[in-house]
Amino acid sequence: MSALEVSTRHFSRKEGASPAENKFYTLIMFDISNRKKYSLITKLLKRYSRRIQNSVYEAYLKPADMKELTEAIERLMGSERYYDPADKVRIYKMSGSCSAALYGECADDDSDLRQNIFI
């Protein structure tokens, strides 16, 4: 029997050369019932972030990229073809310092998080 992996990570804003270049740790979670819509939102989020659970993504994003991503999510969620009031997307921007306790196998390296998206 192997031991449970336990680690702690600290997240905070990464300062850029200007406020527009600052990068914020961001969590995106969603609950989508339509398979096609689920697939579309997954493809969109993969361009900006890293999947950490089935419907949870994380990224370090700049304000401009955050705006671009949120506008794309709004278009998809509000489209006539895919609109469902029961579907949900939550985006959390961590602008201060925070930490998380991680249980199980988790990537400890932030290097693969896209550096230019803000949500």
C-alpha atoms as a PDB file:
ATOM      1  CA  MET A   1       0.000   0.000   0.000  1.00  0.00           C
ATOM      2  CA  SER A   2       1.448   3.375  -0.965  1.00  0.00           C
ATOM      3  CA  ALA A   3       1.197   6.530   1.120  1.00  0.00           C
ATOM      4  CA  LEU A   4      -1.154   9.373   0.317  1.00  0.00           C
ATOM      5  CA  GLU A   5       0.660  12.285  -1.311  1.00  0.00           C
ATOM      6  CA  VAL A   6       0.091  15.518   0.602  1.00  0.00           C
ATOM      7  CA  SER A   7       1.499  18.884  -0.441  1.00  0.00           C
ATOM      8  CA  THR A   8       0.839  22.585  -0.066  1.00  0.00           C
ATOM      9  CA  ARG A   9       0.929  25.174  -2.841  1.00  0.00           C
ATOM     10  CA  HIS A  10       0.833  28.930  -2.556  1.00  0.00           C
ATOM     11  CA  PHE A  11      -0.811  31.073  -5.209  1.00  0.00           C
ATOM     12  CA  SER A  12      -0.616  34.810  -5.714  1.00  0.00           C
ATOM     13  CA  ARG A  13      -0.590  37.445  -8.371  1.00  0.00           C
ATOM     14  CA  LYS A  14       2.520  37.370 -10.551  1.00  0.00           C
ATOM     15  CA  GLU A  15       3.740  40.913 -11.113  1.00  0.00           C
ATOM     16  CA  GLY A  16       4.337  41.966 -14.695  1.00  0.00           C
ATOM     17  CA  ALA A  17       6.168  44.953 -16.169  1.00  0.00           C
ATOM     18  CA  SER A  18       2.890  46.909 -15.978  1.00  0.00           C
ATOM     19  CA  PRO A  19      -0.536  46.296 -14.398  1.00  0.00           C
ATOM     20  CA  ALA A  20      -1.755  44.975 -17.768  1.00  0.00           C
ATOM     21  CA  GLU A  21       0.980  42.338 -17.612  1.00  0.00           C
ATOM     22  CA  ASN A  22       0.104  41.083 -14.116  1.00  0.00           C
ATOM     23  CA  LYS A  23      -1.017  37.459 -14.074  1.00  0.00           C
ATOM     24  CA  PHE A  24      -3.656  36.179 -11.677  1.00  0.00           C
ATOM     25  CA  TYR A  25      -4.156  32.626 -10.488  1.00  0.00           C
ATOM     26  CA  THR A  26      -7.587  31.620 -11.761  1.00  0.00           C
ATOM     27  CA  LEU A  27      -9.902  28.675 -11.145  1.00  0.00           C
ATOM     28  CA  ILE A  28     -12.669  27.859 -13.628  1.00  0.00           C
ATOM     29  CA  MET A  29     -15.364  25.312 -12.740  1.00  0.00           C
ATOM     30  CA  PHE A  30     -18.400  24.290 -14.710  1.00  0.00           C
ATOM     31  CA  ASP A  31     -21.428  22.017 -14.690  1.00  0.00           C
ATOM     32  CA  ILE A  32     -22.777  21.535 -18.224  1.00  0.00           C
ATOM     33  CA  SER A  33     -25.397  18.898 -19.133  1.00  0.00           C
ATOM     34  CA  ASN A  34     -25.291  19.044 -22.962  1.00  0.00           C
ATOM     35  CA  ARG A  35     -22.436  16.882 -24.331  1.00  0.00           C
ATOM     36  CA  LYS A  36     -21.709  19.144 -27.313  1.00  0.00           C
ATOM     37  CA  LYS A  37     -21.667  22.270 -25.143  1.00  0.00           C
ATOM     38  CA  TYR A  38     -19.451  20.452 -22.603  1.00  0.00           C
ATOM     39  CA  SER A  39     -17.042  19.565 -25.407  1.00  0.00           C
ATOM     40  CA  LEU A  40     -16.985  23.156 -26.696  1.00  0.00           C
ATOM     41  CA  ILE A  41     -16.292  24.681 -23.292  1.00  0.00           C
ATOM     42  CA  THR A  42     -13.588  22.077 -22.633  1.00  0.00           C
ATOM     43  CA  LYS A  43     -11.843  22.936 -25.924  1.00  0.00           C
ATOM     44  CA  LEU A  44     -12.067  26.642 -25.103  1.00  0.00           C
ATOM     45  CA  LEU A  45     -10.623  26.199 -21.610  1.00  0.00           C
ATOM     46  CA  LYS A  46      -7.774  23.975 -22.837  1.00  0.00           C
ATOM     47  CA  ARG A  47      -6.520  26.936 -24.906  1.00  0.00           C
ATOM     48  CA  TYR A  48      -6.160  29.061 -21.769  1.00  0.00           C
ATOM     49  CA  SER A  49      -5.663  26.721 -18.837  1.00  0.00           C
ATOM     50  CA  ARG A  50      -4.773  23.303 -17.460  1.00  0.00           C
ATOM     51  CA  ARG A  51      -7.362  20.712 -16.470  1.00  0.00           C
ATOM     52  CA  ILE A  52      -7.020  19.624 -12.838  1.00  0.00           C
ATOM     53  CA  GLN A  53     -10.310  17.670 -12.568  1.00  0.00           C
ATOM     54  CA  ASN A  54     -13.038  16.761 -15.066  1.00  0.00           C
ATOM     55  CA  SER A  55     -14.786  20.134 -14.876  1.00  0.00           C
ATOM     56  CA  VAL A  56     -12.134  22.224 -13.108  1.00  0.00           C
ATOM     57  CA  TYR A  57      -9.318  24.194 -14.746  1.00  0.00           C
ATOM     58  CA  GLU A  58      -6.562  26.467 -13.443  1.00  0.00           C
ATOM     59  CA  ALA A  59      -4.441  29.149 -15.096  1.00  0.00           C
ATOM     60  CA  TYR A  60      -2.358  32.276 -14.578  1.00  0.00           C
ATOM     61  CA  LEU A  61      -4.021  34.928 -16.746  1.00  0.00           C
ATOM     62  CA  LYS A  62      -3.454  38.522 -17.784  1.00  0.00           C
ATOM     63  CA  PRO A  63      -6.434  40.917 -17.693  1.00  0.00           C
ATOM     64  CA  ALA A  64      -6.731  41.012 -21.506  1.00  0.00           C
ATOM     65  CA  ASP A  65      -6.830  37.230 -21.769  1.00  0.00           C
ATOM     66  CA  MET A  66      -9.336  37.031 -18.931  1.00  0.00           C
ATOM     67  CA  LYS A  67     -11.609  39.400 -20.815  1.00  0.00           C
ATOM     68  CA  GLU A  68     -11.221  37.380 -24.025  1.00  0.00           C
ATOM     69  CA  LEU A  69     -12.009  34.121 -22.242  1.00  0.00           C
ATOM     70  CA  THR A  70     -15.006  35.452 -20.300  1.00  0.00           C
ATOM     71  CA  GLU A  71     -16.483  36.942 -23.478  1.00  0.00           C
ATOM     72  CA  ALA A  72     -16.131  33.584 -25.253  1.00  0.00           C
ATOM     73  CA  ILE A  73     -17.769  31.784 -22.315  1.00  0.00           C
ATOM     74  CA  GLU A  74     -20.623  34.318 -22.256  1.00  0.00           C
ATOM     75  CA  ARG A  75     -21.223  33.848 -25.994  1.00  0.00           C
ATOM     76  CA  LEU A  76     -21.359  30.068 -25.620  1.00  0.00           C
ATOM     77  CA  MET A  77     -23.478  30.049 -22.447  1.00  0.00           C
ATOM     78  CA  GLY A  78     -25.945  32.581 -23.859  1.00  0.00           C
ATOM     79  CA  SER A  79     -26.182  31.234 -27.394  1.00  0.00           C
ATOM     80  CA  GLU A  80     -29.661  30.334 -28.567  1.00  0.00           C
ATOM     81  CA  ARG A  81     -28.491  26.889 -29.634  1.00  0.00           C
ATOM     82  CA  TYR A  82     -26.915  25.922 -26.292  1.00  0.00           C
ATOM     83  CA  TYR A  83     -28.700  28.059 -23.684  1.00  0.00           C
ATOM     84  CA  ASP A  84     -29.765  26.096 -20.599  1.00  0.00           C
ATOM     85  CA  PRO A  85     -30.507  27.967 -17.351  1.00  0.00           C
ATOM     86  CA  ALA A  86     -29.340  24.927 -15.336  1.00  0.00           C
ATOM     87  CA  ASP A  87     -25.782  25.101 -16.761  1.00  0.00           C
ATOM     88  CA  LYS A  88     -23.199  26.898 -14.647  1.00  0.00           C
ATOM     89  CA  VAL A  89     -19.677  28.274 -15.003  1.00  0.00           C
ATOM     90  CA  ARG A  90     -17.776  29.805 -12.081  1.00  0.00           C
ATOM     91  CA  ILE A  91     -14.555  31.759 -12.461  1.00  0.00           C
ATOM     92  CA  TYR A  92     -12.481  32.673  -9.422  1.00  0.00           C
ATOM     93  CA  LYS A  93      -9.637  35.178  -9.753  1.00  0.00           C
ATOM     94  CA  MET A  94      -7.170  35.065  -6.873  1.00  0.00           C
ATOM     95  CA  SER A  95      -5.679  38.541  -6.652  1.00  0.00           C
ATOM     96  CA  GLY A  96      -4.080  38.192  -3.225  1.00  0.00           C
ATOM     97  CA  SER A  97      -2.042  35.456  -1.665  1.00  0.00           C
ATOM     98  CA  CYS A  98      -3.711  32.140  -0.925  1.00  0.00           C
ATOM     99  CA  SER A  99      -2.715  28.547  -0.346  1.00  0.00           C
ATOM    100  CA  ALA A 100      -4.212  25.116  -0.907  1.00  0.00           C
ATOM    101  CA  ALA A 101      -3.742  21.707   0.661  1.00  0.00           C
ATOM    102  CA  LEU A 102      -3.492  19.060  -2.050  1.00  0.00           C
ATOM    103  CA  TYR A 103      -4.267  15.400  -1.407  1.00  0.00           C
ATOM    104  CA  GLY A 104      -3.379  12.757  -3.957  1.00  0.00           C
ATOM    105  CA  GLU A 105      -1.209  13.021  -7.031  1.00  0.00           C
ATOM    106  CA  CYS A 106      -1.099  16.679  -8.047  1.00  0.00           C
ATOM    107  CA  ALA A 107       1.208  18.586 -10.346  1.00  0.00           C
ATOM    108  CA  ASP A 108       3.356  20.866  -8.179  1.00  0.00           C
ATOM    109  CA  ASP A 109       4.812  22.806 -11.073  1.00  0.00           C
ATOM    110  CA  ASP A 110       3.097  25.977 -12.328  1.00  0.00           C
ATOM    111  CA  SER A 111       5.300  26.083 -15.434  1.00  0.00           C
ATOM    112  CA  ASP A 112       2.688  24.501 -17.686  1.00  0.00           C
ATOM    113  CA  LEU A 113      -0.056  26.962 -16.727  1.00  0.00           C
ATOM    114  CA  ARG A 114      -0.629  29.401 -19.554  1.00  0.00           C
ATOM    115  CA  GLN A 115       0.885  32.703 -18.523  1.00  0.00           C
ATOM    116  CA  ASN A 116      -1.253  35.154 -20.450  1.00  0.00           C
ATOM    117  CA  ILE A 117      -4.897  34.643 -19.502  1.00  0.00           C
ATOM    118  CA  PHE A 118      -6.989  36.493 -16.937  1.00  0.00           C
ATOM    119  CA  ILE A 119     -10.468  35.507 -15.744  1.00  0.00           C
END
